[in-house]
Protein backbone atom coordinates (compact mmCIF):
# COMPACT_ATOMS: atom_id res chain seq x y z
CA MET A 1 -18.88 -85.08 -3.82
CA ASP A 2 -16.83 -88.56 -3.86
CA THR A 3 -19.55 -90.75 -5.61
CA ALA A 4 -17.26 -93.76 -4.66
CA LYS A 5 -18.11 -93.11 -0.85
CA ASP A 6 -21.94 -91.84 -1.80
CA LYS A 7 -24.50 -94.66 -0.10
CA THR A 8 -28.13 -94.50 -1.05
CA LEU A 9 -30.42 -94.05 1.90
CA SER A 10 -32.10 -97.44 1.45
CA SER A 11 -28.44 -98.99 2.13
CA LEU A 12 -27.45 -96.89 4.86
CA GLY A 13 -30.83 -97.35 6.69
CA GLU A 14 -32.92 -95.29 8.70
CA PHE A 15 -30.73 -96.04 12.00
CA GLY A 16 -27.64 -95.62 9.96
CA LEU A 17 -28.64 -92.30 8.98
CA ILE A 18 -29.15 -91.28 12.77
CA GLU A 19 -25.90 -92.54 13.57
CA ARG A 20 -24.33 -90.56 10.66
CA LEU A 21 -25.93 -87.01 12.00
CA ARG A 22 -25.23 -88.18 15.73
CA GLN A 23 -21.34 -88.48 14.77
CA ARG A 24 -21.37 -85.10 13.08
CA PHE A 25 -23.26 -83.22 15.47
CA PRO A 26 -22.38 -84.39 19.11
CA ALA A 27 -23.73 -82.68 22.29
CA PRO A 28 -22.14 -79.81 23.77
CA GLU A 29 -20.95 -81.03 27.16
CA GLY A 30 -23.80 -81.33 29.87
CA LEU A 31 -26.26 -81.85 27.23
CA THR A 32 -28.17 -85.11 26.04
CA GLY A 33 -28.68 -84.87 21.90
CA ILE A 34 -29.23 -87.08 19.03
CA GLY A 35 -29.49 -90.90 20.26
CA ASP A 36 -32.00 -91.04 22.59
CA ASP A 37 -35.64 -90.48 22.82
CA CYS A 38 -35.49 -86.95 23.76
CA ALA A 39 -32.69 -84.42 24.11
CA ILE A 40 -31.99 -83.36 27.81
CA LEU A 41 -31.41 -79.83 28.66
CA PRO A 42 -30.78 -79.19 32.36
CA GLN A 43 -31.98 -75.95 33.65
CA GLN A 44 -30.50 -73.75 36.68
CA SER A 45 -34.02 -74.65 38.68
CA GLY A 46 -32.42 -78.20 39.14
CA ARG A 47 -35.02 -79.84 36.42
CA ASP A 48 -34.40 -80.96 33.41
CA THR A 49 -36.20 -80.17 29.98
CA LEU A 50 -36.87 -82.89 27.57
CA VAL A 51 -37.40 -81.92 24.10
CA SER A 52 -38.44 -84.13 20.92
CA THR A 53 -39.81 -84.00 17.35
CA ASP A 54 -41.43 -86.48 15.04
CA MET A 55 -43.38 -86.38 11.76
CA LEU A 56 -46.19 -88.08 10.04
CA ILE A 57 -46.37 -88.12 6.54
CA GLU A 58 -49.56 -88.96 4.39
CA GLY A 59 -49.11 -92.58 2.65
CA THR A 60 -45.96 -93.34 5.15
CA HIS A 61 -47.47 -93.34 8.34
CA PHE A 62 -51.53 -92.80 7.52
CA LEU A 63 -53.96 -93.50 5.02
CA ARG A 64 -56.06 -90.27 4.95
CA GLY A 65 -59.08 -92.28 3.16
CA ASP A 66 -59.14 -94.82 6.18
CA ILE A 67 -57.90 -92.97 9.52
CA PRO A 68 -60.70 -90.68 10.83
CA PRO A 69 -59.49 -87.13 11.04
CA TYR A 70 -60.11 -87.40 15.07
CA ALA A 71 -57.79 -90.74 15.18
CA LEU A 72 -55.05 -88.97 13.30
CA GLY A 73 -54.87 -85.81 15.55
CA TRP A 74 -55.02 -88.02 18.74
CA LYS A 75 -52.31 -90.18 17.45
CA SER A 76 -49.95 -87.20 16.21
CA ALA A 77 -49.85 -86.03 19.73
CA ALA A 78 -49.68 -89.10 21.24
CA VAL A 79 -46.48 -90.36 19.35
CA ASN A 80 -44.82 -87.36 20.61
CA ILE A 81 -45.85 -87.39 24.24
CA SER A 82 -44.68 -91.18 24.33
CA ASP A 83 -41.25 -89.69 23.78
CA ILE A 84 -41.83 -87.77 27.08
CA ALA A 85 -42.60 -90.82 28.63
CA ALA A 86 -40.20 -93.14 27.95
CA MET A 87 -37.72 -90.79 29.67
CA GLY A 88 -39.74 -90.96 32.66
CA GLY A 89 -40.62 -87.25 32.10
CA ARG A 90 -44.05 -85.24 32.13
CA PRO A 91 -45.07 -83.49 28.73
CA THR A 92 -45.70 -79.76 29.45
CA ALA A 93 -46.25 -78.33 25.94
CA THR A 94 -46.41 -79.12 22.20
CA PHE A 95 -45.75 -77.18 19.02
CA LEU A 96 -47.35 -78.47 16.17
CA SER A 97 -46.66 -77.57 12.09
CA LEU A 98 -48.95 -78.69 9.39
CA ALA A 99 -48.79 -78.81 5.53
CA LEU A 100 -52.41 -79.27 4.40
CA PRO A 101 -53.78 -79.41 0.86
CA ALA A 102 -55.80 -76.25 -0.11
CA ASP A 103 -59.31 -78.34 -0.70
CA LEU A 104 -59.11 -80.15 2.83
CA GLY A 105 -62.24 -79.01 4.48
CA THR A 106 -62.93 -77.03 7.39
CA ALA A 107 -64.55 -80.11 8.97
CA TRP A 108 -61.88 -82.41 8.74
CA VAL A 109 -59.29 -79.64 10.25
CA ASP A 110 -62.08 -79.06 13.16
CA GLU A 111 -61.89 -83.04 13.99
CA PHE A 112 -58.48 -83.18 13.82
CA PHE A 113 -57.74 -80.48 16.40
CA ARG A 114 -60.53 -82.35 18.54
CA GLY A 115 -58.51 -85.39 18.64
CA TYR A 116 -55.31 -83.68 19.03
CA THR A 117 -56.59 -81.68 22.11
CA THR A 118 -58.16 -84.41 23.86
CA LEU A 119 -55.00 -86.38 24.00
CA SER A 120 -53.14 -83.57 24.75
CA LYS A 121 -55.17 -82.26 27.52
CA ARG A 122 -55.37 -85.89 29.47
CA PHE A 123 -51.60 -85.75 29.80
CA GLY A 124 -51.32 -81.54 30.45
CA ALA A 125 -49.13 -80.62 27.43
CA ALA A 126 -50.68 -77.38 26.16
CA LEU A 127 -50.28 -76.46 22.40
CA LEU A 128 -48.25 -73.39 22.21
CA GLY A 129 -47.32 -72.50 18.78
CA GLY A 130 -46.19 -74.03 15.60
CA ASP A 131 -46.76 -73.26 11.54
CA THR A 132 -49.07 -73.88 8.66
CA THR A 133 -48.29 -74.17 5.11
CA GLY A 134 -49.98 -75.42 1.98
CA SER A 135 -48.80 -78.76 0.52
CA PRO A 136 -49.06 -79.69 -3.39
CA ARG A 137 -49.89 -83.24 -2.61
CA GLY A 138 -50.55 -85.14 0.70
CA ILE A 139 -50.83 -83.82 4.44
CA CYS A 140 -47.47 -83.27 6.61
CA ILE A 141 -47.62 -83.19 10.44
CA ASN A 142 -45.08 -82.31 12.64
CA VAL A 143 -44.66 -82.22 16.23
CA ALA A 144 -42.18 -80.81 18.66
CA VAL A 145 -43.12 -81.77 22.32
CA LEU A 146 -41.39 -80.30 25.36
CA GLY A 147 -41.34 -82.45 28.97
CA GLU A 148 -39.39 -82.21 32.35
CA CYS A 149 -38.34 -84.20 34.77
CA PRO A 150 -36.21 -83.46 38.33
CA GLY A 151 -32.51 -83.03 37.46
CA GLY A 152 -30.64 -86.10 36.39
CA THR A 153 -33.38 -88.61 36.68
CA ALA A 154 -34.38 -89.35 32.90
CA ARG A 155 -34.14 -92.86 32.13
CA LYS A 156 -31.72 -92.96 28.90
CA ARG A 157 -30.70 -95.92 26.70
CA SER A 158 -27.43 -95.99 27.89
CA ASP A 159 -28.14 -97.19 31.17
CA ALA A 160 -28.92 -100.92 31.12
CA ARG A 161 -26.74 -103.17 33.21
CA GLU A 162 -25.63 -106.80 33.19
CA GLY A 163 -27.80 -108.95 34.61
CA ASP A 164 -31.06 -106.62 34.70
CA LEU A 165 -34.36 -108.17 33.69
CA VAL A 166 -35.66 -106.93 30.28
CA CYS A 167 -39.53 -105.95 30.59
CA VAL A 168 -42.33 -104.08 28.65
CA SER A 169 -44.99 -102.67 29.93
CA GLY A 170 -47.99 -103.73 27.84
CA ASN A 171 -49.32 -106.34 25.10
CA LEU A 172 -47.02 -106.54 21.91
CA GLY A 173 -48.21 -106.70 18.32
CA ASP A 174 -51.67 -105.24 18.57
CA SER A 175 -50.85 -101.99 16.39
CA ALA A 176 -48.98 -103.90 13.78
CA LEU A 177 -51.96 -106.47 13.37
CA GLY A 178 -54.47 -103.43 13.20
CA LEU A 179 -52.32 -102.17 10.46
CA ARG A 180 -52.13 -105.05 8.56
CA ALA A 181 -55.81 -105.75 8.95
CA ILE A 182 -56.45 -102.16 7.29
CA LEU A 183 -54.09 -102.77 4.37
CA GLU A 184 -55.63 -105.98 3.77
CA GLY A 185 -59.04 -104.62 4.17
CA LEU A 186 -60.37 -107.46 6.58
CA GLU A 187 -63.80 -107.35 7.61
CA ARG A 188 -63.99 -105.10 10.69
CA ASP A 189 -65.45 -107.47 13.46
CA ALA A 190 -65.06 -106.61 16.96
CA ASP A 191 -61.83 -107.96 17.21
CA ILE A 192 -60.28 -106.54 14.18
CA GLN A 193 -61.57 -102.88 15.39
CA ALA A 194 -59.85 -103.66 18.13
CA LEU A 195 -57.00 -103.79 17.06
CA ILE A 196 -57.36 -100.98 14.54
CA ASP A 197 -58.07 -98.73 17.42
CA ARG A 198 -54.73 -99.85 18.80
CA HIS A 199 -53.15 -98.62 15.82
CA TYR A 200 -55.35 -95.61 15.56
CA LEU A 201 -55.27 -94.55 19.24
CA PRO A 202 -52.25 -95.31 20.95
CA LEU A 203 -51.99 -94.19 24.56
CA PRO A 204 -48.76 -92.81 25.70
CA ARG A 205 -47.54 -94.48 29.25
CA VAL A 206 -46.81 -91.04 30.93
CA GLU A 207 -47.89 -92.32 34.41
CA GLU A 208 -46.08 -95.69 34.11
CA GLY A 209 -42.79 -93.69 32.77
CA LEU A 210 -42.91 -91.34 35.76
CA ARG A 211 -43.40 -94.28 38.47
CA LEU A 212 -40.51 -96.35 36.60
CA ALA A 213 -38.29 -93.23 37.01
CA ALA A 214 -38.76 -93.02 40.40
CA THR A 215 -37.99 -96.35 41.30
CA THR A 216 -34.42 -97.28 42.48
CA GLY A 217 -33.21 -100.28 40.06
CA VAL A 218 -34.97 -99.18 36.93
CA HIS A 219 -32.00 -98.42 34.58
CA ALA A 220 -32.46 -97.83 30.68
CA MET A 221 -36.11 -96.88 29.13
CA MET A 222 -37.48 -96.24 25.82
CA ASP A 223 -40.67 -96.68 24.09
CA LEU A 224 -41.34 -99.00 21.48
CA SER A 225 -42.30 -97.47 18.17
CA ASP A 226 -40.40 -99.38 15.79
CA GLY A 227 -40.73 -102.88 17.55
CA LEU A 228 -38.78 -105.00 19.83
CA ALA A 229 -36.43 -106.33 17.50
CA SER A 230 -35.30 -102.77 16.40
CA ASP A 231 -35.52 -100.82 19.43
CA LEU A 232 -34.19 -103.34 21.72
CA PRO A 233 -30.86 -102.99 20.02
CA HIS A 234 -30.62 -99.22 20.61
CA ILE A 235 -30.51 -99.76 24.22
CA LEU A 236 -28.09 -102.71 23.71
CA GLU A 237 -25.65 -100.56 21.47
CA ALA A 238 -25.81 -97.57 23.72
CA SER A 239 -25.04 -99.75 26.84
CA GLY A 240 -22.39 -101.84 25.28
CA LYS A 241 -24.63 -105.06 26.18
CA GLY A 242 -26.43 -108.04 24.95
CA ALA A 243 -29.45 -109.87 25.83
CA GLU A 244 -31.31 -113.07 25.89
CA ILE A 245 -35.02 -112.92 25.08
CA ASP A 246 -37.55 -115.59 25.87
CA THR A 247 -40.13 -115.00 22.74
CA ALA A 248 -42.74 -117.54 24.83
CA ALA A 249 -42.77 -114.90 27.31
CA LEU A 250 -43.66 -112.25 24.84
CA PRO A 251 -47.04 -110.48 26.30
CA LEU A 252 -49.78 -111.28 23.54
CA SER A 253 -53.35 -110.12 23.82
CA ASP A 254 -56.15 -112.42 23.93
CA THR A 255 -57.45 -110.40 20.80
CA LEU A 256 -54.44 -110.63 18.79
CA GLN A 257 -54.04 -114.28 19.75
CA ARG A 258 -57.68 -114.98 18.42
CA VAL A 259 -57.19 -113.38 15.04
CA CYS A 260 -53.70 -115.05 14.30
CA THR A 261 -55.48 -118.28 15.18
CA ARG A 262 -58.18 -117.72 12.86
CA LEU A 263 -56.50 -116.41 10.22
CA ASP A 264 -53.54 -118.93 10.90
CA TRP A 265 -51.02 -116.05 11.03
CA ASP A 266 -47.64 -116.09 12.92
CA PRO A 267 -47.97 -113.80 16.06
CA LEU A 268 -44.31 -113.24 16.34
CA PRO A 269 -43.62 -111.32 13.45
CA PHE A 270 -46.43 -108.79 14.78
CA ALA A 271 -44.86 -109.01 18.03
CA LEU A 272 -41.54 -108.40 17.40
CA GLY A 273 -41.11 -106.19 14.19
CA GLY A 274 -44.41 -104.52 13.92
CA GLY A 275 -43.88 -101.55 15.87
CA GLU A 276 -46.18 -98.75 17.00
CA ASP A 277 -47.31 -100.42 20.10
CA TYR A 278 -46.04 -97.41 22.53
CA GLU A 279 -45.65 -99.33 25.48
CA LEU A 280 -42.65 -98.83 27.69
CA LEU A 281 -39.53 -101.19 27.30
CA PHE A 282 -37.00 -101.40 30.26
CA THR A 283 -34.41 -102.69 32.13
CA VAL A 284 -34.50 -103.40 35.74
CA ASP A 285 -32.57 -104.87 38.66
CA PRO A 286 -34.03 -108.14 39.67
CA ASP A 287 -34.32 -106.91 43.54
CA ALA A 288 -36.27 -104.10 42.23
CA GLU A 289 -38.67 -105.75 39.77
CA LYS A 290 -40.97 -107.54 42.50
CA ASP A 291 -41.66 -104.19 43.93
CA LEU A 292 -42.33 -102.26 40.69
CA ASP A 293 -46.33 -100.83 40.91
CA VAL A 294 -46.37 -100.95 37.10
CA PRO A 295 -48.14 -103.70 35.08
CA HIS A 296 -45.31 -105.32 33.00
CA SER A 297 -44.33 -108.46 31.63
CA VAL A 298 -40.65 -109.74 31.98
CA ILE A 299 -39.17 -111.16 28.80
CA GLY A 300 -35.51 -111.59 28.96
CA LYS A 301 -32.19 -110.46 30.76
CA ILE A 302 -29.34 -108.16 29.85
CA ILE A 303 -25.94 -110.02 29.04
CA PRO A 304 -22.51 -109.22 28.53
CA CYS A 305 -21.54 -108.43 24.83
CA HIS A 306 -17.61 -108.45 24.51
CA SER A 307 -17.23 -107.21 21.09
CA GLU A 308 -19.20 -105.36 18.28
CA ARG A 309 -19.05 -109.18 16.38
CA THR A 310 -20.86 -110.65 19.08
CA ARG A 311 -24.52 -111.23 18.82
CA ARG A 312 -26.38 -108.77 20.59
CA ILE A 313 -29.75 -110.62 20.83
CA TYR A 314 -29.97 -114.17 21.50
CA TRP A 315 -34.02 -114.82 20.83
CA HIS A 316 -34.82 -118.13 22.54
CA GLY A 317 -37.80 -119.97 21.19
CA THR A 318 -37.21 -119.29 17.55
CA ASN A 319 -34.62 -119.78 15.04
CA ARG A 320 -35.95 -116.67 12.97
CA ALA A 321 -34.26 -113.19 12.69
CA PHE A 322 -36.65 -110.35 13.15
CA SER A 323 -36.36 -106.77 12.60
CA GLY A 324 -38.54 -103.84 13.02
CA PHE A 325 -39.37 -100.92 10.83
CA ASP A 326 -37.15 -98.75 9.21
CA HIS A 327 -38.40 -96.14 6.87
CA PHE A 328 -35.31 -96.57 4.25
CA HIS A 329 -35.78 -100.42 4.06
CA ARG A 330 -39.48 -100.95 3.08
CA ASP A 331 -40.91 -103.82 0.80
């Protein structure tokens, strides 16, 4: 190994690691591989199979002592099904692998599966298999999800066009503020509990994704898992574009605004950098936007980006730089 060229993951970053892997493992012709929310595998039937996988690790993605097992099961299914929604597909099946400590009670396991099953059945995604193993320390959860869509209709990150409007399907920042409340041990009044519920019980936007993918003029799309400040650049880099975002247009819930006002906290870091909203971020032709039958907010527009040195995002309404969640860049 050439140590002079060796980098730590903290210097490379999560998305630098993904790009490193994408360059080493290009997708075969006709397939879409690393770089979108799902891989796309065309089928002879004329439909496309969508495949994604995600992992949740105790101490990184959840605190076992706080999250109810029902909510953890729900969220484990939800964050994966959200990837199918992000492509405009319909989920069909999941495969669940669990590494569990031997002293974990069966009541905990039953409640985990009750949450997982409740969310999965809501969207018609059958649990078809997986794996179980013991863990010497914490819980590790890995889910692979399958979905489908008509051939060629999956919405990819690379499809944004100059002049498109940048839109989101719902409020931003609730989940991040809910996590902050958990970590700081805030008293759980009705507002705080509502925000924690948004963090623990996200709802994938499957039906919204299907309607958007069926709309001519909707171009790029993905789900918001790491925060707008991290996720929007994926669309811009894949599409070779830039964006202007009006921070005053960001959709913030009344609950988030009340809590931020009461605690004298700035809502922008939660809305832009918090992550785990699992709303849909998409670009759409202005002429098609007015006819969308999906609740949404217009937060900006797509602009040219003439070189890699050109700024990708112009944040109007603030002079601060924001970044979303990165597993290898942690305070």
